[in-house]
Amino acid sequence: MTTADESIEPFELTVDRDAIDDLRTRLERARWPDQLPDAGWAYGTERETLRSLCAYWREEYDWSAFEERCNEFDQYTTVIDGQRIHCYHVRSPEPSATPLLLSHGWPGSVAEFFDVLGPLTDPAAHGGDPDDAFHVVAPSLPGFGFSGPTTEQGWDVPRMADAFATLMDRLGYDRFVAQGGDWGALITALLGANYPDRVDAIHTNMLFLTPSTLDEPMELLDERGRADYEATKAFRETGTGYHEIQATKPQTVAYGLTDSPVGLAGWLTEKFRAWSDCDGDLESSFDRDRLLDNLSIYWLTGTIGSSMRGYYCLLYTSL
């Protein structure tokens, strides 16, 4: 018999009208900083790009369509290790489908998976091979989005991996494959390492490597490898300020980002531009509705602060 603490409850998002009105009021009353002439994105998020995005969020973003996108597929909540965990659980019509766990990262959310849940679970309906079907489980990481804020310290990557292994067991999957990016990549790697009897394969779209022990490792790199090395070096020098503050004082920055939707949008939008192959044109890779789906999940759930705590955990714990 399932105990109350192990129960799995259906979940459906209903956006409170007062929350929408409050967001629009905050966007309308925002106090904008100055920006140096011709600075572009050099100092961070470019002001007029952000103004345009926030104006769309305030005046044109379709909240009913957002609800429909969030509620298109079956979703549930359960409590694992004292923490509420939200997930999409989408069963394939193909009886031989492979169970697949998808784990997102920061500054993302389960909204990243909205467009792939259908093709992954029912490839035949999307022009694919039914033999490639998956039963998909896509959780909101603890402290992110619909899982709600974490309520105690210590939700590091190993604990998240253990929670997701428990989630898959609770949903009836003894064996499964896993995929993840960013935090999800670390979670996925640990699932593969710590649960080899349950995880048949892993795929990550972000690699974490340890320093080489070779005397002259650069000699092994070709021209492209050296260019990638220089790009990574430049990123570590100029693109990791967010990491330093989120790993040391996440609560300090959380006040402004939780109170100001413009601040939240500025903090996250810069990362989507910097970390995608948009070649400087943000909306060539992300349309506004998709960007705002993600921002709206952070805003409505008040989880930007708790979503940053993983960096603090990573600084003070080892994998």
Protein backbone atom coordinates (compact mmCIF):
# COMPACT_ATOMS: atom_id res chain seq x y z
CA MET A 1 0.00 0.00 0.00
CA THR A 2 1.25 3.49 -0.85
CA THR A 3 1.73 5.71 2.18
CA ALA A 4 0.56 9.32 2.17
CA ASP A 5 4.16 10.51 1.89
CA GLU A 6 4.69 8.40 -1.24
CA SER A 7 1.46 9.36 -2.96
CA ILE A 8 1.53 10.82 -6.45
CA GLU A 9 -1.01 13.57 -7.01
CA PRO A 10 -2.21 15.01 -10.34
CA PHE A 11 -1.20 18.63 -10.90
CA GLU A 12 -2.69 21.32 -13.11
CA LEU A 13 -1.57 24.92 -13.34
CA THR A 14 -4.12 27.66 -12.79
CA VAL A 15 -2.64 31.13 -13.07
CA ASP A 16 -4.14 33.48 -10.50
CA ARG A 17 -5.51 36.65 -12.08
CA ASP A 18 -4.23 38.76 -9.21
CA ALA A 19 -0.71 37.46 -9.87
CA ILE A 20 -0.96 38.54 -13.51
CA ASP A 21 -2.25 41.98 -12.53
CA ASP A 22 0.56 42.36 -10.00
CA LEU A 23 3.17 41.40 -12.59
CA ARG A 24 1.80 43.89 -15.10
CA THR A 25 1.79 46.65 -12.50
CA ARG A 26 5.40 45.95 -11.58
CA LEU A 27 6.42 45.94 -15.24
CA GLU A 28 4.59 49.21 -15.87
CA ARG A 29 6.16 50.92 -12.84
CA ALA A 30 9.68 49.63 -13.42
CA ARG A 31 12.54 52.07 -12.90
CA TRP A 32 15.03 51.59 -15.71
CA PRO A 33 18.79 52.17 -15.39
CA ASP A 34 20.72 54.36 -17.78
CA GLN A 35 22.88 52.77 -20.45
CA LEU A 36 26.05 54.07 -22.03
CA PRO A 37 25.82 55.05 -25.71
CA ASP A 38 26.70 52.25 -28.13
CA ALA A 39 27.43 49.85 -25.24
CA GLY A 40 25.24 47.10 -26.67
CA TRP A 41 25.52 43.92 -24.60
CA ALA A 42 29.08 44.59 -23.44
CA TYR A 43 28.04 45.53 -19.90
CA GLY A 44 25.24 42.97 -19.67
CA THR A 45 21.65 42.83 -20.88
CA GLU A 46 21.00 45.53 -23.48
CA ARG A 47 18.33 47.91 -22.22
CA GLU A 48 16.14 48.40 -25.30
CA THR A 49 16.02 44.67 -26.00
CA LEU A 50 14.83 44.13 -22.45
CA ARG A 51 12.35 47.01 -22.65
CA SER A 52 10.79 45.45 -25.73
CA LEU A 53 10.59 41.99 -24.15
CA CYS A 54 9.04 43.34 -20.94
CA ALA A 55 6.54 45.45 -22.88
CA TYR A 56 5.43 42.31 -24.69
CA TRP A 57 5.21 40.44 -21.38
CA ARG A 58 3.02 43.21 -19.97
CA GLU A 59 0.76 43.89 -22.95
CA GLU A 60 0.68 40.95 -25.37
CA TYR A 61 1.79 37.73 -23.70
CA ASP A 62 -1.12 35.26 -23.81
CA TRP A 63 -1.60 33.82 -20.33
CA SER A 64 -4.35 31.45 -21.45
CA ALA A 65 -2.02 29.97 -24.06
CA PHE A 66 0.68 29.67 -21.38
CA GLU A 67 -1.69 27.68 -19.18
CA GLU A 68 -2.60 25.46 -22.13
CA ARG A 69 1.05 24.76 -22.91
CA CYS A 70 1.77 23.92 -19.27
CA ASN A 71 -1.28 21.67 -18.98
CA GLU A 72 -1.11 19.92 -22.36
CA PHE A 73 0.52 16.82 -20.87
CA ASP A 74 -0.08 14.88 -17.66
CA GLN A 75 1.83 16.20 -14.67
CA TYR A 76 2.07 15.20 -11.04
CA THR A 77 3.60 16.08 -7.70
CA THR A 78 4.98 13.86 -4.98
CA VAL A 79 7.11 14.31 -1.87
CA ILE A 80 10.59 12.77 -1.84
CA ASP A 81 13.06 13.25 1.01
CA GLY A 82 10.83 15.96 2.44
CA GLN A 83 10.73 17.98 -0.78
CA ARG A 84 7.84 18.41 -3.18
CA ILE A 85 8.81 17.20 -6.66
CA HIS A 86 6.79 18.13 -9.75
CA CYS A 87 7.09 16.18 -12.97
CA TYR A 88 5.58 15.60 -16.35
CA HIS A 89 4.86 11.91 -16.83
CA VAL A 90 3.83 11.23 -20.40
CA ARG A 91 3.20 7.62 -21.33
CA SER A 92 3.74 6.56 -24.92
CA PRO A 93 1.00 4.72 -26.83
CA GLU A 94 3.73 2.27 -27.84
CA PRO A 95 3.82 -0.60 -25.31
CA SER A 96 7.54 -1.25 -25.87
CA ALA A 97 8.57 2.38 -25.33
CA THR A 98 11.73 3.02 -23.31
CA PRO A 99 11.40 4.97 -20.04
CA LEU A 100 13.34 8.25 -20.34
CA LEU A 101 14.18 10.75 -17.60
CA LEU A 102 14.80 14.32 -18.82
CA SER A 103 16.54 16.74 -16.44
CA HIS A 104 16.79 20.48 -17.13
CA GLY A 105 19.21 23.03 -15.72
CA TRP A 106 19.58 26.72 -14.89
CA PRO A 107 18.31 29.18 -16.07
CA GLY A 108 15.89 26.75 -17.68
CA SER A 109 12.85 24.83 -16.52
CA VAL A 110 10.57 22.04 -17.68
CA ALA A 111 9.29 24.54 -20.26
CA GLU A 112 12.36 23.55 -22.30
CA PHE A 113 10.71 20.19 -22.98
CA PHE A 114 7.24 21.33 -24.05
CA ASP A 115 8.01 20.95 -27.76
CA VAL A 116 9.62 17.51 -27.52
CA LEU A 117 7.22 15.65 -25.23
CA GLY A 118 4.90 14.82 -28.14
CA PRO A 119 7.55 13.64 -30.63
CA LEU A 120 9.40 11.62 -27.99
CA THR A 121 6.33 9.79 -26.72
CA ASP A 122 4.52 9.38 -30.03
CA PRO A 123 7.07 9.59 -32.85
CA ALA A 124 4.71 7.93 -35.33
CA ALA A 125 2.32 10.87 -35.03
CA HIS A 126 5.19 13.22 -35.87
CA GLY A 127 6.59 11.36 -38.87
CA GLY A 128 9.00 9.18 -36.89
CA ASP A 129 9.56 5.52 -36.17
CA PRO A 130 7.33 4.06 -33.42
CA ASP A 131 10.28 1.91 -32.34
CA ASP A 132 11.94 5.14 -31.14
CA ALA A 133 9.18 5.92 -28.62
CA PHE A 134 9.79 6.81 -24.97
CA HIS A 135 7.75 7.03 -21.81
CA VAL A 136 8.96 10.45 -20.66
CA VAL A 137 9.42 11.70 -17.11
CA ALA A 138 10.50 15.36 -16.95
CA PRO A 139 10.81 16.66 -13.38
CA SER A 140 11.17 20.22 -12.18
CA LEU A 141 14.43 20.19 -10.23
CA PRO A 142 14.03 20.65 -6.46
CA GLY A 143 13.89 24.40 -5.87
CA PHE A 144 12.80 25.10 -9.44
CA GLY A 145 9.41 26.05 -10.83
CA PHE A 146 6.47 23.86 -9.93
CA SER A 147 8.52 21.82 -7.45
CA GLY A 148 8.55 24.99 -5.36
CA PRO A 149 11.37 26.39 -3.22
CA THR A 150 13.56 24.00 -1.28
CA THR A 151 12.75 24.12 2.42
CA GLU A 152 16.06 22.98 3.90
CA GLN A 153 19.76 23.12 3.13
CA GLY A 154 21.66 20.39 1.35
CA TRP A 155 19.87 19.90 -1.96
CA ASP A 156 23.05 19.23 -3.89
CA VAL A 157 23.45 17.23 -7.09
CA PRO A 158 23.85 13.79 -5.45
CA ARG A 159 20.67 14.36 -3.45
CA MET A 160 18.79 15.41 -6.59
CA ALA A 161 20.03 12.32 -8.43
CA ASP A 162 18.86 10.08 -5.59
CA ALA A 163 15.49 11.84 -5.55
CA PHE A 164 15.04 11.29 -9.28
CA ALA A 165 15.96 7.61 -8.95
CA THR A 166 13.27 7.37 -6.27
CA LEU A 167 10.84 9.22 -8.52
CA MET A 168 11.38 6.75 -11.36
CA ASP A 169 10.87 3.85 -8.98
CA ARG A 170 7.71 5.44 -7.61
CA LEU A 171 6.36 5.84 -11.16
CA GLY A 172 6.97 2.15 -11.81
CA TYR A 173 10.22 2.22 -13.80
CA ASP A 174 12.84 -0.20 -12.54
CA ARG A 175 15.13 0.51 -15.50
CA PHE A 176 15.39 3.64 -17.62
CA VAL A 177 17.65 5.87 -19.69
CA ALA A 178 18.46 9.47 -18.79
CA GLN A 179 19.31 12.73 -20.52
CA GLY A 180 20.22 16.12 -19.12
CA GLY A 181 21.92 19.45 -19.66
CA ASP A 182 23.58 21.89 -17.26
CA TRP A 183 22.55 20.76 -13.74
CA GLY A 184 20.67 18.00 -15.50
CA ALA A 185 23.93 16.79 -17.03
CA LEU A 186 25.50 16.39 -13.59
CA ILE A 187 22.38 14.66 -12.28
CA THR A 188 22.34 12.35 -15.30
CA ALA A 189 26.02 11.49 -14.95
CA LEU A 190 25.56 10.60 -11.28
CA LEU A 191 22.51 8.49 -12.05
CA GLY A 192 24.60 6.51 -14.51
CA ALA A 193 27.48 6.16 -12.05
CA ASN A 194 25.48 5.42 -8.91
CA TYR A 195 22.66 3.32 -10.36
CA PRO A 196 24.30 1.14 -13.04
CA ASP A 197 21.82 -1.65 -12.35
CA ARG A 198 18.91 0.64 -13.23
CA VAL A 199 20.22 3.16 -15.77
CA ASP A 200 20.84 1.53 -19.15
CA ALA A 201 22.29 4.58 -20.91
CA ILE A 202 22.87 8.30 -20.40
CA HIS A 203 23.19 11.27 -22.73
CA THR A 204 24.30 14.76 -21.71
CA ASN A 205 24.59 17.95 -23.70
CA MET A 206 27.10 19.49 -21.31
CA LEU A 207 30.44 17.91 -20.42
CA PHE A 208 32.34 18.37 -17.17
CA LEU A 209 36.03 17.51 -17.45
CA THR A 210 38.87 17.35 -14.94
CA PRO A 211 42.24 19.00 -15.70
CA SER A 212 44.63 16.93 -17.78
CA THR A 213 47.52 15.18 -16.05
CA LEU A 214 49.65 15.33 -19.20
CA ASP A 215 52.73 17.56 -19.24
CA GLU A 216 51.81 19.27 -22.53
CA PRO A 217 48.09 18.65 -23.15
CA MET A 218 47.79 21.55 -25.61
CA GLU A 219 50.00 19.67 -28.06
CA LEU A 220 47.18 17.18 -28.57
CA LEU A 221 44.75 19.84 -29.81
CA ASP A 222 44.14 20.67 -33.45
CA GLU A 223 43.23 24.16 -34.65
CA ARG A 224 39.57 23.79 -33.72
CA GLY A 225 40.46 22.36 -30.33
CA ARG A 226 42.71 25.33 -29.59
CA ALA A 227 39.97 27.75 -30.64
CA ASP A 228 37.52 25.98 -28.33
CA TYR A 229 40.05 26.17 -25.52
CA GLU A 230 40.48 29.92 -26.00
CA ALA A 231 36.70 30.41 -26.06
CA THR A 232 36.36 28.45 -22.83
CA LYS A 233 39.17 30.45 -21.25
CA ALA A 234 37.48 33.72 -22.24
CA PHE A 235 34.17 32.50 -20.81
CA ARG A 236 35.78 31.64 -17.49
CA GLU A 237 37.37 35.09 -17.36
CA THR A 238 34.36 37.21 -18.36
CA GLY A 239 31.23 35.04 -18.30
CA THR A 240 31.11 33.48 -14.85
CA GLY A 241 30.28 36.43 -12.62
CA TYR A 242 26.77 35.04 -12.14
CA HIS A 243 28.30 31.80 -10.86
CA GLU A 244 30.44 33.56 -8.27
CA ILE A 245 27.56 35.47 -6.70
CA GLN A 246 25.12 32.55 -6.87
CA ALA A 247 27.68 30.24 -5.28
CA THR A 248 28.54 32.62 -2.46
CA LYS A 249 25.61 34.96 -1.72
CA PRO A 250 22.50 33.68 -3.55
CA GLN A 251 20.14 35.14 -0.96
CA THR A 252 21.48 38.65 -1.53
CA VAL A 253 20.67 38.74 -5.24
CA ALA A 254 17.39 36.85 -4.70
CA TYR A 255 15.69 39.89 -3.15
CA GLY A 256 15.90 42.01 -6.28
CA LEU A 257 15.12 39.17 -8.70
CA THR A 258 12.11 37.99 -6.69
CA ASP A 259 10.70 41.51 -6.35
CA SER A 260 11.35 42.85 -9.86
CA PRO A 261 10.22 41.07 -13.04
CA VAL A 262 12.47 43.40 -15.04
CA GLY A 263 15.41 42.37 -12.87
CA LEU A 264 14.53 38.70 -13.28
CA ALA A 265 14.17 39.06 -17.05
CA GLY A 266 17.47 40.92 -17.30
CA TRP A 267 19.33 38.33 -15.22
CA LEU A 268 18.07 35.31 -17.19
CA THR A 269 17.75 36.72 -20.71
CA GLU A 270 21.43 37.60 -20.88
CA LYS A 271 22.27 33.95 -20.25
CA PHE A 272 19.97 32.66 -22.98
CA ARG A 273 21.65 35.02 -25.43
CA ALA A 274 25.19 34.22 -24.29
CA TRP A 275 24.74 30.46 -24.08
CA SER A 276 22.90 29.80 -27.34
CA ASP A 277 24.05 29.79 -30.95
CA CYS A 278 21.96 32.87 -31.75
CA ASP A 279 24.97 34.82 -33.05
CA GLY A 280 23.91 37.81 -30.97
CA ASP A 281 20.28 37.79 -32.15
CA LEU A 282 18.36 36.36 -29.19
CA GLU A 283 15.07 35.88 -31.00
CA SER A 284 16.66 33.93 -33.83
CA SER A 285 16.93 31.02 -31.38
CA PHE A 286 14.06 31.73 -28.97
CA ASP A 287 10.72 33.30 -29.76
CA ARG A 288 9.35 35.63 -27.13
CA ASP A 289 6.63 33.31 -25.95
CA ARG A 290 9.12 30.53 -25.23
CA LEU A 291 11.42 32.90 -23.35
CA LEU A 292 8.50 34.25 -21.37
CA ASP A 293 7.12 30.79 -20.61
CA ASN A 294 10.37 30.11 -18.79
CA LEU A 295 10.47 33.52 -17.08
CA SER A 296 6.83 33.22 -16.06
CA ILE A 297 7.43 29.87 -14.35
CA TYR A 298 10.23 31.39 -12.27
CA TRP A 299 8.15 34.49 -11.52
CA LEU A 300 4.86 32.81 -10.60
CA THR A 301 6.51 30.20 -8.36
CA GLY A 302 8.95 32.61 -6.71
CA THR A 303 11.77 30.12 -7.18
CA ILE A 304 14.59 32.19 -8.64
CA GLY A 305 16.25 32.37 -5.21
CA SER A 306 16.02 28.66 -4.48
CA SER A 307 17.08 27.79 -8.03
CA MET A 308 20.43 29.47 -7.35
CA ARG A 309 21.18 27.52 -4.17
CA GLY A 310 22.61 24.62 -6.13
CA TYR A 311 25.65 26.75 -6.92
CA TYR A 312 26.19 27.31 -3.21
CA CYS A 313 25.89 23.57 -2.60
CA LEU A 314 28.37 22.86 -5.38
CA LEU A 315 30.90 25.23 -3.83
CA TYR A 316 30.74 23.57 -0.42
CA THR A 317 30.20 19.92 -1.34
CA SER A 318 31.90 17.43 -3.64
CA LEU A 319 30.22 15.13 -6.14
